Amino acid sequence: MSINLADIFADIENLSDEEIIASPVHESSPQPANTFVDEPMVCTPVPELEEFEDIQVSTLNTKAVLVHLRRSMYSPYKLDQAESKAYGAGNVNKHLFEGRDNRVRQTISKFSEVRQFVNDNTVPWSTGVRLLNMANYLDFTASLRVMTAEALAAADDLAANWDDEVSTDLDRLAKIAYSKGKPDLANPDDYPHASEIRERFGIEVDFSAVPTTGDFRVAISEEDKASVNRQVQKRMASVAKHVISEMLEPMQRAVDKLNVPIGHEGAFFRDSLIDNIVNVADRMDRVNLSDDPVVTEKIASLKSLASTYADNKDVLRSMPDVRKKAATQINDLVSQMAGLV
């Protein structure tokens, strides 16, 4: 039986991303209440690479699981028809619920924290789909349940106090309208009804196994199996690059800061400079699924270096020689890692 390999691998390529929508939801283009939307979490394209160690689909299937997070959120923006017409060069959106001291922004923040947590503890697989190390599954799901419950509780609280939040925001806009001579700025029709707002928020998380060649409904040739495995190898190469890239960013920031001499502009040292390196080393150690020993060794090197300076932050803050040495050591490791991405 003749089989198109592109069709076979489509099962892996298109997993669970049919409901991902690239742009935020605006009041000018309403979505059904039960539609989940999210920014795509795109896996960086990988150029042709030298083969990593043999990574079979079945092996990956035993140590990782696919995660698909879908969120729906109310978007506090409203297309201003009059201002857009006057502007004449695009749409002008009215920003509702400005600032951070209101329930709308606080609820959105809770939902954003869920997405950030998932991203921090997984690696990209395909658009909208992440790869979770099974060794961390129990801790991951326990924390995710708590964060999801907090986000949904915030949405419940927002819905219960929606009319008060709208009234406060209308007062804010009315003051701006008065100062700018634009009486139509504060418009109650810009806001959903209290009975609708809770439906705008939701979270769903799906877990699924990494597909193997045995999942296909028809027998495939050894040649096609090898091709599928090569596709997975490319994905795993991308995972390895993601791990290295995540570590490089805070390391480079630390090098740039530590190279500024004490007493010069921009030399102020914050503990977070080292804390961020400790954090990324720990996270990448948890999410690393690469069988490449070089990647594993670089994670271990960064963890060792980070722990050394985590206990000596005050020295970094006050002693130029130690600060210079730290910058040199971190930069040396940056140089070694840079060739891996």
Protein backbone atom coordinates (compact mmCIF):
# COMPACT_ATOMS: atom_id res chain seq x y z
CA MET A 1 0.00 0.00 0.00
CA SER A 2 1.46 3.40 -0.96
CA ILE A 3 1.50 5.93 1.85
CA ASN A 4 2.35 9.62 1.75
CA LEU A 5 4.85 10.31 4.50
CA ALA A 6 3.64 13.91 4.83
CA ASP A 7 0.19 12.60 5.73
CA ILE A 8 1.66 10.20 8.27
CA PHE A 9 3.65 12.83 10.08
CA ALA A 10 0.75 15.32 10.03
CA ASP A 11 -0.62 13.52 13.11
CA ILE A 12 2.41 14.74 15.02
CA GLU A 13 2.73 18.14 13.34
CA ASN A 14 -0.84 19.30 13.91
CA LEU A 15 -1.62 17.97 17.37
CA SER A 16 -4.28 19.95 19.20
CA ASP A 17 -3.56 23.35 17.71
CA GLU A 18 -6.84 23.79 15.84
CA GLU A 19 -8.23 26.20 18.42
CA ILE A 20 -5.16 28.43 18.70
CA ILE A 21 -5.82 31.97 17.47
CA ALA A 22 -2.82 34.24 16.93
CA SER A 23 -4.33 37.61 17.82
CA PRO A 24 -6.03 38.73 21.05
CA VAL A 25 -9.81 38.88 21.13
CA HIS A 26 -11.22 42.39 20.72
CA GLU A 27 -14.71 43.58 21.34
CA SER A 28 -14.88 44.55 17.68
CA SER A 29 -14.48 40.87 16.71
CA PRO A 30 -16.27 38.87 19.40
CA GLN A 31 -15.63 35.15 19.83
CA PRO A 32 -18.06 32.51 21.09
CA ALA A 33 -17.98 32.24 24.85
CA ASN A 34 -16.72 28.66 24.76
CA THR A 35 -13.89 29.29 22.30
CA PHE A 36 -10.44 29.06 23.86
CA VAL A 37 -7.78 31.31 22.44
CA ASP A 38 -4.10 31.78 23.11
CA GLU A 39 -1.00 33.24 21.55
CA PRO A 40 0.82 30.53 19.60
CA MET A 41 3.80 29.07 21.42
CA VAL A 42 5.99 28.58 18.37
CA CYS A 43 8.89 26.18 18.26
CA THR A 44 11.86 27.95 16.65
CA PRO A 45 12.57 26.48 13.19
CA VAL A 46 15.67 24.30 13.14
CA PRO A 47 18.11 24.37 10.22
CA GLU A 48 19.70 21.21 8.91
CA LEU A 49 21.72 19.82 11.80
CA GLU A 50 24.25 17.10 12.31
CA GLU A 51 22.47 14.05 13.68
CA PHE A 52 22.14 13.96 17.44
CA GLU A 53 22.42 10.56 19.12
CA ASP A 54 19.68 8.21 17.93
CA ILE A 55 16.44 9.37 19.54
CA GLN A 56 13.64 6.95 18.77
CA VAL A 57 10.00 8.02 19.00
CA SER A 58 9.24 5.15 21.35
CA THR A 59 12.02 6.26 23.72
CA LEU A 60 10.68 9.80 23.88
CA ASN A 61 7.19 8.43 24.42
CA THR A 62 8.33 6.84 27.70
CA LYS A 63 9.93 9.94 29.18
CA ALA A 64 7.76 12.83 28.01
CA VAL A 65 4.15 13.87 27.51
CA LEU A 66 2.60 16.57 25.32
CA VAL A 67 0.84 19.50 27.01
CA HIS A 68 -1.67 21.81 25.32
CA LEU A 69 -2.83 24.82 27.31
CA ARG A 70 -5.87 26.78 26.13
CA ARG A 71 -7.06 29.96 27.82
CA SER A 72 -9.96 32.25 27.12
CA MET A 73 -9.85 35.78 28.50
CA TYR A 74 -11.83 38.98 28.30
CA SER A 75 -9.87 41.57 26.33
CA PRO A 76 -10.16 45.09 27.86
CA TYR A 77 -9.96 46.92 24.56
CA LYS A 78 -12.74 48.45 22.51
CA LEU A 79 -12.47 49.68 18.95
CA ASP A 80 -13.15 53.43 18.95
CA GLN A 81 -14.99 53.98 15.68
CA ALA A 82 -14.93 57.79 15.79
CA GLU A 83 -11.22 58.04 16.66
CA SER A 84 -10.31 55.40 14.07
CA LYS A 85 -12.16 57.38 11.41
CA ALA A 86 -10.49 60.60 12.48
CA TYR A 87 -7.06 58.95 12.57
CA GLY A 88 -7.52 57.62 9.06
CA ALA A 89 -4.51 55.31 9.17
CA GLY A 90 -5.66 52.30 11.14
CA ASN A 91 -7.78 51.30 14.10
CA VAL A 92 -7.71 53.11 17.43
CA ASN A 93 -8.54 50.98 20.45
CA LYS A 94 -9.92 52.38 23.67
CA HIS A 95 -8.09 50.96 26.69
CA LEU A 96 -10.58 49.97 29.36
CA PHE A 97 -9.58 49.23 32.97
CA GLU A 98 -6.20 50.95 32.82
CA GLY A 99 -3.69 50.35 35.60
CA ARG A 100 -3.13 47.35 37.85
CA ASP A 101 -5.37 48.13 40.81
CA ASN A 102 -8.57 46.73 39.33
CA ARG A 103 -10.00 43.23 39.25
CA VAL A 104 -9.86 42.94 35.45
CA ARG A 105 -6.12 43.43 35.23
CA GLN A 106 -5.53 41.28 38.32
CA THR A 107 -7.58 38.45 36.82
CA ILE A 108 -5.78 38.68 33.48
CA SER A 109 -2.49 38.61 35.38
CA LYS A 110 -3.49 35.35 37.10
CA PHE A 111 -4.30 33.78 33.73
CA SER A 112 -1.00 35.02 32.32
CA GLU A 113 0.86 33.44 35.25
CA VAL A 114 -0.63 30.07 34.32
CA ARG A 115 0.72 30.35 30.79
CA GLN A 116 4.12 31.51 32.04
CA PHE A 117 4.30 28.58 34.45
CA VAL A 118 3.58 26.11 31.64
CA ASN A 119 6.19 27.73 29.39
CA ASP A 120 8.79 27.79 32.17
CA ASN A 121 8.39 24.11 32.94
CA THR A 122 8.11 22.66 29.44
CA VAL A 123 9.88 22.99 26.10
CA PRO A 124 8.35 23.85 22.71
CA TRP A 125 7.22 20.94 20.55
CA SER A 126 4.94 22.43 17.89
CA THR A 127 2.61 25.41 17.61
CA GLY A 128 0.54 25.52 20.78
CA VAL A 129 1.95 22.23 22.08
CA ARG A 130 4.66 21.81 24.73
CA LEU A 131 6.73 18.85 25.87
CA LEU A 132 6.84 17.95 29.57
CA ASN A 133 9.47 15.77 31.21
CA MET A 134 7.54 12.92 32.86
CA ALA A 135 9.92 13.03 35.81
CA ASN A 136 8.30 16.36 36.72
CA TYR A 137 4.71 15.40 35.93
CA LEU A 138 3.42 15.14 39.52
CA ASP A 139 5.00 18.41 40.71
CA PHE A 140 3.96 20.16 37.50
CA THR A 141 0.32 19.11 37.66
CA ALA A 142 0.04 19.82 41.39
CA SER A 143 1.31 23.39 40.94
CA LEU A 144 -0.76 23.87 37.78
CA ARG A 145 -3.95 22.85 39.61
CA VAL A 146 -3.29 25.44 42.33
CA MET A 147 -2.54 28.23 39.85
CA THR A 148 -5.55 27.36 37.69
CA ALA A 149 -7.82 27.37 40.74
CA GLU A 150 -6.50 30.81 41.73
CA ALA A 151 -7.07 32.16 38.23
CA LEU A 152 -10.63 30.84 38.08
CA ALA A 153 -11.34 32.16 41.59
CA ALA A 154 -10.18 35.60 40.44
CA ALA A 155 -12.58 35.33 37.49
CA ASP A 156 -15.40 34.42 39.88
CA ASP A 157 -14.59 37.42 42.06
CA LEU A 158 -14.47 39.71 39.03
CA ALA A 159 -17.88 38.51 37.87
CA ALA A 160 -19.36 39.05 41.33
CA ASN A 161 -18.05 42.64 41.41
CA TRP A 162 -18.33 43.48 37.72
CA ASP A 163 -20.82 46.32 38.01
CA ASP A 164 -18.65 48.11 40.57
CA GLU A 165 -15.55 47.70 38.39
CA VAL A 166 -17.39 49.08 35.36
CA SER A 167 -18.73 52.03 37.34
CA THR A 168 -15.24 52.89 38.56
CA ASP A 169 -13.79 52.67 35.07
CA LEU A 170 -16.56 54.81 33.61
CA ASP A 171 -15.77 57.48 36.20
CA ARG A 172 -12.11 57.34 35.15
CA LEU A 173 -12.98 57.71 31.48
CA ALA A 174 -15.49 60.47 32.21
CA LYS A 175 -12.73 62.58 33.76
CA ILE A 176 -10.52 62.02 30.72
CA ALA A 177 -13.45 62.82 28.43
CA TYR A 178 -14.10 66.09 30.25
CA SER A 179 -10.44 67.15 30.07
CA LYS A 180 -10.18 66.34 26.36
CA GLY A 181 -13.61 67.53 25.33
CA LYS A 182 -14.66 64.11 24.04
CA PRO A 183 -17.96 63.29 25.75
CA ASP A 184 -18.39 59.94 23.95
CA LEU A 185 -15.25 58.49 25.50
CA ALA A 186 -17.07 57.05 28.52
CA ASN A 187 -19.67 54.70 27.08
CA PRO A 188 -21.45 52.00 29.15
CA ASP A 189 -22.11 50.05 25.95
CA ASP A 190 -18.38 49.32 25.67
CA TYR A 191 -18.62 46.81 28.51
CA PRO A 192 -20.13 43.31 28.49
CA HIS A 193 -23.10 42.67 30.75
CA ALA A 194 -22.37 41.25 34.19
CA SER A 195 -24.04 37.98 33.20
CA GLU A 196 -21.55 37.52 30.33
CA ILE A 197 -18.19 38.32 31.87
CA ARG A 198 -17.55 35.01 33.65
CA GLU A 199 -17.94 33.12 30.38
CA ARG A 200 -15.11 35.14 28.91
CA PHE A 201 -12.57 33.40 31.17
CA GLY A 202 -11.58 29.76 31.11
CA ILE A 203 -8.64 27.36 31.18
CA GLU A 204 -8.27 23.90 29.70
CA VAL A 205 -5.17 21.73 29.79
CA ASP A 206 -4.86 18.59 27.68
CA PHE A 207 -2.18 15.94 28.13
CA SER A 208 -1.44 13.40 25.42
CA ALA A 209 1.22 10.83 24.65
CA VAL A 210 3.95 11.55 22.14
CA PRO A 211 2.83 9.67 19.01
CA THR A 212 4.87 6.65 17.94
CA THR A 213 5.05 4.89 14.62
CA GLY A 214 2.84 2.21 16.16
CA ASP A 215 0.00 4.72 16.52
CA PHE A 216 -0.74 4.80 12.80
CA ARG A 217 -3.75 2.80 11.66
CA VAL A 218 -1.89 1.17 8.79
CA ALA A 219 1.45 -0.59 8.57
CA ILE A 220 4.24 1.66 7.38
CA SER A 221 7.55 0.74 5.86
CA GLU A 222 10.85 0.74 7.70
CA GLU A 223 11.92 3.62 5.48
CA ASP A 224 8.92 5.68 6.57
CA LYS A 225 9.51 4.78 10.21
CA ALA A 226 13.06 6.02 9.88
CA SER A 227 11.80 9.24 8.32
CA VAL A 228 9.37 9.82 11.20
CA ASN A 229 12.20 9.22 13.65
CA ARG A 230 14.34 11.76 11.82
CA GLN A 231 11.55 14.29 12.21
CA VAL A 232 11.52 13.62 15.93
CA GLN A 233 15.30 13.97 16.03
CA LYS A 234 14.91 17.43 14.52
CA ARG A 235 12.32 18.30 17.15
CA MET A 236 14.66 17.08 19.88
CA ALA A 237 17.50 19.11 18.39
CA SER A 238 15.18 22.10 18.69
CA VAL A 239 14.52 21.18 22.32
CA ALA A 240 18.27 21.14 22.97
CA LYS A 241 18.67 24.55 21.34
CA HIS A 242 15.78 25.94 23.37
CA VAL A 243 17.44 24.79 26.60
CA ILE A 244 20.74 26.43 25.69
CA SER A 245 19.07 29.65 24.46
CA GLU A 246 17.05 29.99 27.68
CA MET A 247 20.29 29.82 29.70
CA LEU A 248 22.22 32.22 27.48
CA GLU A 249 19.89 35.19 27.90
CA PRO A 250 20.29 35.78 31.68
CA MET A 251 23.98 34.83 31.48
CA GLN A 252 24.67 37.50 28.89
CA ARG A 253 22.79 40.09 30.95
CA ALA A 254 24.94 39.18 33.95
CA VAL A 255 28.15 39.51 31.94
CA ASP A 256 27.14 42.93 30.62
CA LYS A 257 26.28 44.18 34.11
CA LEU A 258 29.28 42.71 35.91
CA ASN A 259 31.66 44.22 33.35
CA VAL A 260 30.58 47.72 34.36
CA PRO A 261 33.18 48.88 36.95
CA ILE A 262 31.89 49.58 40.45
CA GLY A 263 31.15 53.28 40.86
CA HIS A 264 30.33 53.83 37.20
CA GLU A 265 26.89 54.51 35.80
CA GLY A 266 24.95 51.30 35.36
CA ALA A 267 27.04 49.30 37.83
CA PHE A 268 24.30 48.92 40.46
CA PHE A 269 24.08 45.23 41.36
CA ARG A 270 20.79 43.52 42.13
CA ASP A 271 20.53 40.05 43.65
CA SER A 272 18.13 39.09 40.86
CA LEU A 273 21.05 39.15 38.41
CA ILE A 274 22.38 35.94 39.96
CA ASP A 275 19.00 34.63 41.11
CA ASN A 276 17.84 34.59 37.47
CA ILE A 277 20.81 32.42 36.49
CA VAL A 278 20.16 30.03 39.38
CA ASN A 279 16.50 29.86 38.37
CA VAL A 280 17.12 29.18 34.68
CA ALA A 281 19.72 26.51 35.45
CA ASP A 282 17.26 24.71 37.75
CA ARG A 283 14.41 25.02 35.23
CA MET A 284 16.47 23.77 32.31
CA ASP A 285 17.70 20.85 34.39
CA ARG A 286 14.05 19.89 34.97
CA VAL A 287 12.86 20.30 31.40
CA ASN A 288 15.90 18.93 29.58
CA LEU A 289 14.92 15.91 27.49
CA SER A 290 17.92 15.94 25.19
CA ASP A 291 20.11 12.86 25.03
CA ASP A 292 23.01 15.07 24.03
CA PRO A 293 25.68 14.80 26.76
CA VAL A 294 27.07 18.23 25.85
CA VAL A 295 23.75 19.91 26.73
CA THR A 296 23.58 18.02 30.02
CA GLU A 297 27.16 18.99 30.84
CA LYS A 298 26.53 22.69 30.14
CA ILE A 299 23.49 22.68 32.44
CA ALA A 300 25.60 21.12 35.19
CA SER A 301 28.37 23.70 34.63
CA LEU A 302 25.93 26.58 34.91
CA LYS A 303 24.31 25.15 38.04
CA SER A 304 27.72 24.82 39.69
CA LEU A 305 28.81 28.32 38.70
CA ALA A 306 25.47 29.86 39.70
CA SER A 307 25.50 28.23 43.14
CA THR A 308 29.00 29.55 43.79
CA TYR A 309 27.98 33.16 43.26
CA ALA A 310 24.52 32.78 44.78
CA ASP A 311 26.25 32.50 48.15
CA ASN A 312 28.53 35.48 47.49
CA LYS A 313 26.28 38.24 46.22
CA ASP A 314 27.57 40.82 48.68
CA VAL A 315 31.12 40.15 47.47
CA LEU A 316 30.02 40.73 43.89
CA ARG A 317 28.43 43.97 44.98
CA SER A 318 31.58 45.35 46.66
CA MET A 319 34.75 43.68 45.36
CA PRO A 320 35.89 44.62 41.81
CA ASP A 321 38.28 41.67 41.40
CA VAL A 322 35.65 39.08 42.31
CA ARG A 323 33.15 40.83 40.07
CA LYS A 324 35.58 40.77 37.16
CA LYS A 325 36.33 37.09 37.75
CA ALA A 326 32.62 36.24 37.78
CA ALA A 327 32.09 38.13 34.52
CA THR A 328 34.99 36.24 32.92
CA GLN A 329 33.78 32.81 34.11
CA ILE A 330 30.21 33.39 32.99
CA ASN A 331 31.38 34.81 29.67
CA ASP A 332 33.60 31.79 29.06
CA LEU A 333 30.59 29.53 29.53
CA VAL A 334 28.51 31.79 27.26
CA SER A 335 31.15 31.39 24.54
CA GLN A 336 31.04 27.61 24.87
CA MET A 337 27.25 27.51 24.70
CA ALA A 338 26.89 30.02 21.87
CA GLY A 339 28.21 27.49 19.38
CA LEU A 340 25.40 25.09 20.24
CA VAL A 341 22.54 27.29 18.98
